Amino acid sequence: MSRKARLVSQKIGAKAWILGGFFALSTLTGCASEPFVDGRREAGSDRSVGRSGLNRVAICYNSRSTTPEAVRQLAESECTKTDRVPLYDGEDILSCSIASPTRVFFRCVAPKS
């Protein structure tokens, strides 16, 4: 194979890898995933290493496949564990996983009487 043919072949191969990577990434981000609480813990410890705690719940979700009602229900179920209700407290984008890139925060507050 001539040098010119090898260079053309290498360029085509490189473009194929780049396009394949973009395709794989877009496929992963389009996957439907369930919302989840970002409340990781160290093994054998009560200490939280995730963004959630007793007073603030962090929920990771994909806005393309999850309804706001589903996120709110998950926040309510977490705050109910301490007899409180969720109050929206902001969000981060591209801060969780590829499949669930949005993280929304809720403060758990005492219910209004």
C-alpha atoms as a PDB file:
ATOM      1  CA  MET A   1       0.000   0.000   0.000  1.00  0.00           C
ATOM      2  CA  SER A   2       1.364   3.399  -0.904  1.00  0.00           C
ATOM      3  CA  ARG A   3       2.052   6.072   1.670  1.00  0.00           C
ATOM      4  CA  LYS A   4      -0.775   8.255   0.369  1.00  0.00           C
ATOM      5  CA  ALA A   5      -3.243   5.356   0.538  1.00  0.00           C
ATOM      6  CA  ARG A   6      -2.178   4.615   4.136  1.00  0.00           C
ATOM      7  CA  LEU A   7      -2.716   8.261   5.168  1.00  0.00           C
ATOM      8  CA  VAL A   8      -6.175   8.317   3.577  1.00  0.00           C
ATOM      9  CA  SER A   9      -7.016   5.043   5.300  1.00  0.00           C
ATOM     10  CA  GLN A  10      -5.857   6.396   8.673  1.00  0.00           C
ATOM     11  CA  LYS A  11      -7.957   9.565   8.273  1.00  0.00           C
ATOM     12  CA  ILE A  12     -11.045   7.541   7.403  1.00  0.00           C
ATOM     13  CA  GLY A  13     -10.400   5.234  10.364  1.00  0.00           C
ATOM     14  CA  ALA A  14     -10.001   8.181  12.749  1.00  0.00           C
ATOM     15  CA  LYS A  15     -13.240   9.758  11.536  1.00  0.00           C
ATOM     16  CA  ALA A  16     -15.041   6.438  11.967  1.00  0.00           C
ATOM     17  CA  TRP A  17     -13.859   6.217  15.597  1.00  0.00           C
ATOM     18  CA  ILE A  18     -14.965   9.789  16.315  1.00  0.00           C
ATOM     19  CA  LEU A  19     -18.379   9.266  14.735  1.00  0.00           C
ATOM     20  CA  GLY A  20     -18.758   5.966  16.580  1.00  0.00           C
ATOM     21  CA  GLY A  21     -17.958   7.691  19.865  1.00  0.00           C
ATOM     22  CA  PHE A  22     -20.542  10.402  19.263  1.00  0.00           C
ATOM     23  CA  PHE A  23     -23.110   7.756  18.323  1.00  0.00           C
ATOM     24  CA  ALA A  24     -22.404   5.756  21.477  1.00  0.00           C
ATOM     25  CA  LEU A  25     -22.599   8.858  23.665  1.00  0.00           C
ATOM     26  CA  SER A  26     -25.875   9.995  22.116  1.00  0.00           C
ATOM     27  CA  THR A  27     -27.306   6.510  22.547  1.00  0.00           C
ATOM     28  CA  LEU A  28     -26.368   6.465  26.226  1.00  0.00           C
ATOM     29  CA  THR A  29     -27.812   9.896  26.929  1.00  0.00           C
ATOM     30  CA  GLY A  30     -31.039   8.961  25.198  1.00  0.00           C
ATOM     31  CA  CYS A  31     -31.543   5.897  27.397  1.00  0.00           C
ATOM     32  CA  ALA A  32     -34.515   6.090  29.688  1.00  0.00           C
ATOM     33  CA  SER A  33     -33.514   5.773  33.302  1.00  0.00           C
ATOM     34  CA  GLU A  34     -35.435   6.049  36.516  1.00  0.00           C
ATOM     35  CA  PRO A  35     -34.750   9.021  38.783  1.00  0.00           C
ATOM     36  CA  PHE A  36     -32.652   8.170  41.836  1.00  0.00           C
ATOM     37  CA  VAL A  37     -31.577   9.781  45.090  1.00  0.00           C
ATOM     38  CA  ASP A  38     -27.938  10.852  45.132  1.00  0.00           C
ATOM     39  CA  GLY A  39     -27.397   9.583  48.639  1.00  0.00           C
ATOM     40  CA  ARG A  40     -24.311   7.415  48.533  1.00  0.00           C
ATOM     41  CA  ARG A  41     -22.734   6.260  51.771  1.00  0.00           C
ATOM     42  CA  GLU A  42     -19.352   4.880  52.721  1.00  0.00           C
ATOM     43  CA  ALA A  43     -19.435   1.139  53.357  1.00  0.00           C
ATOM     44  CA  GLY A  44     -20.218   0.412  57.012  1.00  0.00           C
ATOM     45  CA  SER A  45     -20.786   4.087  57.847  1.00  0.00           C
ATOM     46  CA  ASP A  46     -23.745   6.434  58.208  1.00  0.00           C
ATOM     47  CA  ARG A  47     -21.682   9.272  56.709  1.00  0.00           C
ATOM     48  CA  SER A  48     -23.004  10.494  53.370  1.00  0.00           C
ATOM     49  CA  VAL A  49     -20.646  11.001  50.453  1.00  0.00           C
ATOM     50  CA  GLY A  50     -23.459  11.845  48.032  1.00  0.00           C
ATOM     51  CA  ARG A  51     -25.303  15.141  47.838  1.00  0.00           C
ATOM     52  CA  SER A  52     -28.306  14.003  49.912  1.00  0.00           C
ATOM     53  CA  GLY A  53     -28.702  14.191  53.658  1.00  0.00           C
ATOM     54  CA  LEU A  54     -31.574  14.306  56.136  1.00  0.00           C
ATOM     55  CA  ASN A  55     -32.248  17.994  55.502  1.00  0.00           C
ATOM     56  CA  ARG A  56     -31.630  18.158  51.752  1.00  0.00           C
ATOM     57  CA  VAL A  57     -32.511  15.584  49.110  1.00  0.00           C
ATOM     58  CA  ALA A  58     -30.681  15.472  45.774  1.00  0.00           C
ATOM     59  CA  ILE A  59     -32.375  13.586  42.930  1.00  0.00           C
ATOM     60  CA  CYS A  60     -30.684  12.704  39.649  1.00  0.00           C
ATOM     61  CA  TYR A  61     -32.904  12.325  36.595  1.00  0.00           C
ATOM     62  CA  ASN A  62     -33.153  12.649  32.829  1.00  0.00           C
ATOM     63  CA  SER A  63     -35.512  15.472  31.852  1.00  0.00           C
ATOM     64  CA  ARG A  64     -36.277  13.779  28.532  1.00  0.00           C
ATOM     65  CA  SER A  65     -37.656  10.633  30.118  1.00  0.00           C
ATOM     66  CA  THR A  66     -38.792  11.685  33.604  1.00  0.00           C
ATOM     67  CA  THR A  67     -41.779  13.838  34.485  1.00  0.00           C
ATOM     68  CA  PRO A  68     -41.566  16.546  37.142  1.00  0.00           C
ATOM     69  CA  GLU A  69     -44.285  14.655  39.031  1.00  0.00           C
ATOM     70  CA  ALA A  70     -42.090  11.542  39.285  1.00  0.00           C
ATOM     71  CA  VAL A  71     -39.208  13.624  40.670  1.00  0.00           C
ATOM     72  CA  ARG A  72     -41.525  15.344  43.153  1.00  0.00           C
ATOM     73  CA  GLN A  73     -42.950  12.004  44.318  1.00  0.00           C
ATOM     74  CA  LEU A  74     -39.453  10.669  44.973  1.00  0.00           C
ATOM     75  CA  ALA A  75     -38.594  13.812  46.962  1.00  0.00           C
ATOM     76  CA  GLU A  76     -41.808  13.440  48.957  1.00  0.00           C
ATOM     77  CA  SER A  77     -41.032   9.808  49.758  1.00  0.00           C
ATOM     78  CA  GLU A  78     -37.563  10.782  51.037  1.00  0.00           C
ATOM     79  CA  CYS A  79     -38.758  13.735  53.142  1.00  0.00           C
ATOM     80  CA  THR A  80     -41.643  11.694  54.549  1.00  0.00           C
ATOM     81  CA  LYS A  81     -39.063   9.476  56.282  1.00  0.00           C
ATOM     82  CA  THR A  82     -38.457  12.389  58.675  1.00  0.00           C
ATOM     83  CA  ASP A  83     -42.088  13.619  58.741  1.00  0.00           C
ATOM     84  CA  ARG A  84     -41.342  16.625  56.547  1.00  0.00           C
ATOM     85  CA  VAL A  85     -42.266  17.855  53.065  1.00  0.00           C
ATOM     86  CA  PRO A  86     -40.019  18.808  50.127  1.00  0.00           C
ATOM     87  CA  LEU A  87     -39.371  22.408  49.087  1.00  0.00           C
ATOM     88  CA  TYR A  88     -37.588  23.040  45.763  1.00  0.00           C
ATOM     89  CA  ASP A  89     -34.031  24.300  46.323  1.00  0.00           C
ATOM     90  CA  GLY A  90     -32.394  24.538  42.870  1.00  0.00           C
ATOM     91  CA  GLU A  91     -30.722  22.227  40.378  1.00  0.00           C
ATOM     92  CA  ASP A  92     -27.464  21.414  38.615  1.00  0.00           C
ATOM     93  CA  ILE A  93     -27.107  20.272  35.022  1.00  0.00           C
ATOM     94  CA  LEU A  94     -24.512  17.718  33.872  1.00  0.00           C
ATOM     95  CA  SER A  95     -23.661  16.830  37.460  1.00  0.00           C
ATOM     96  CA  CYS A  96     -24.927  13.262  37.902  1.00  0.00           C
ATOM     97  CA  SER A  97     -24.496  10.427  35.401  1.00  0.00           C
ATOM     98  CA  ILE A  98     -24.599  10.444  31.610  1.00  0.00           C
ATOM     99  CA  ALA A  99     -27.997   8.739  31.613  1.00  0.00           C
ATOM    100  CA  SER A 100     -29.357  11.071  34.332  1.00  0.00           C
ATOM    101  CA  PRO A 101     -27.529  14.387  33.870  1.00  0.00           C
ATOM    102  CA  THR A 102     -29.761  16.695  35.917  1.00  0.00           C
ATOM    103  CA  ARG A 103     -29.677  16.907  39.711  1.00  0.00           C
ATOM    104  CA  VAL A 104     -32.480  18.737  41.520  1.00  0.00           C
ATOM    105  CA  PHE A 105     -32.371  19.672  45.194  1.00  0.00           C
ATOM    106  CA  PHE A 106     -35.217  19.758  47.713  1.00  0.00           C
ATOM    107  CA  ARG A 107     -34.998  20.930  51.308  1.00  0.00           C
ATOM    108  CA  CYS A 108     -37.049  18.848  53.733  1.00  0.00           C
ATOM    109  CA  VAL A 109     -39.075  21.293  55.820  1.00  0.00           C
ATOM    110  CA  ALA A 110     -41.800  21.019  58.443  1.00  0.00           C
ATOM    111  CA  PRO A 111     -45.269  20.906  56.889  1.00  0.00           C
ATOM    112  CA  LYS A 112     -47.360  24.063  57.151  1.00  0.00           C
ATOM    113  CA  SER A 113     -50.140  23.718  59.691  1.00  0.00           C
END
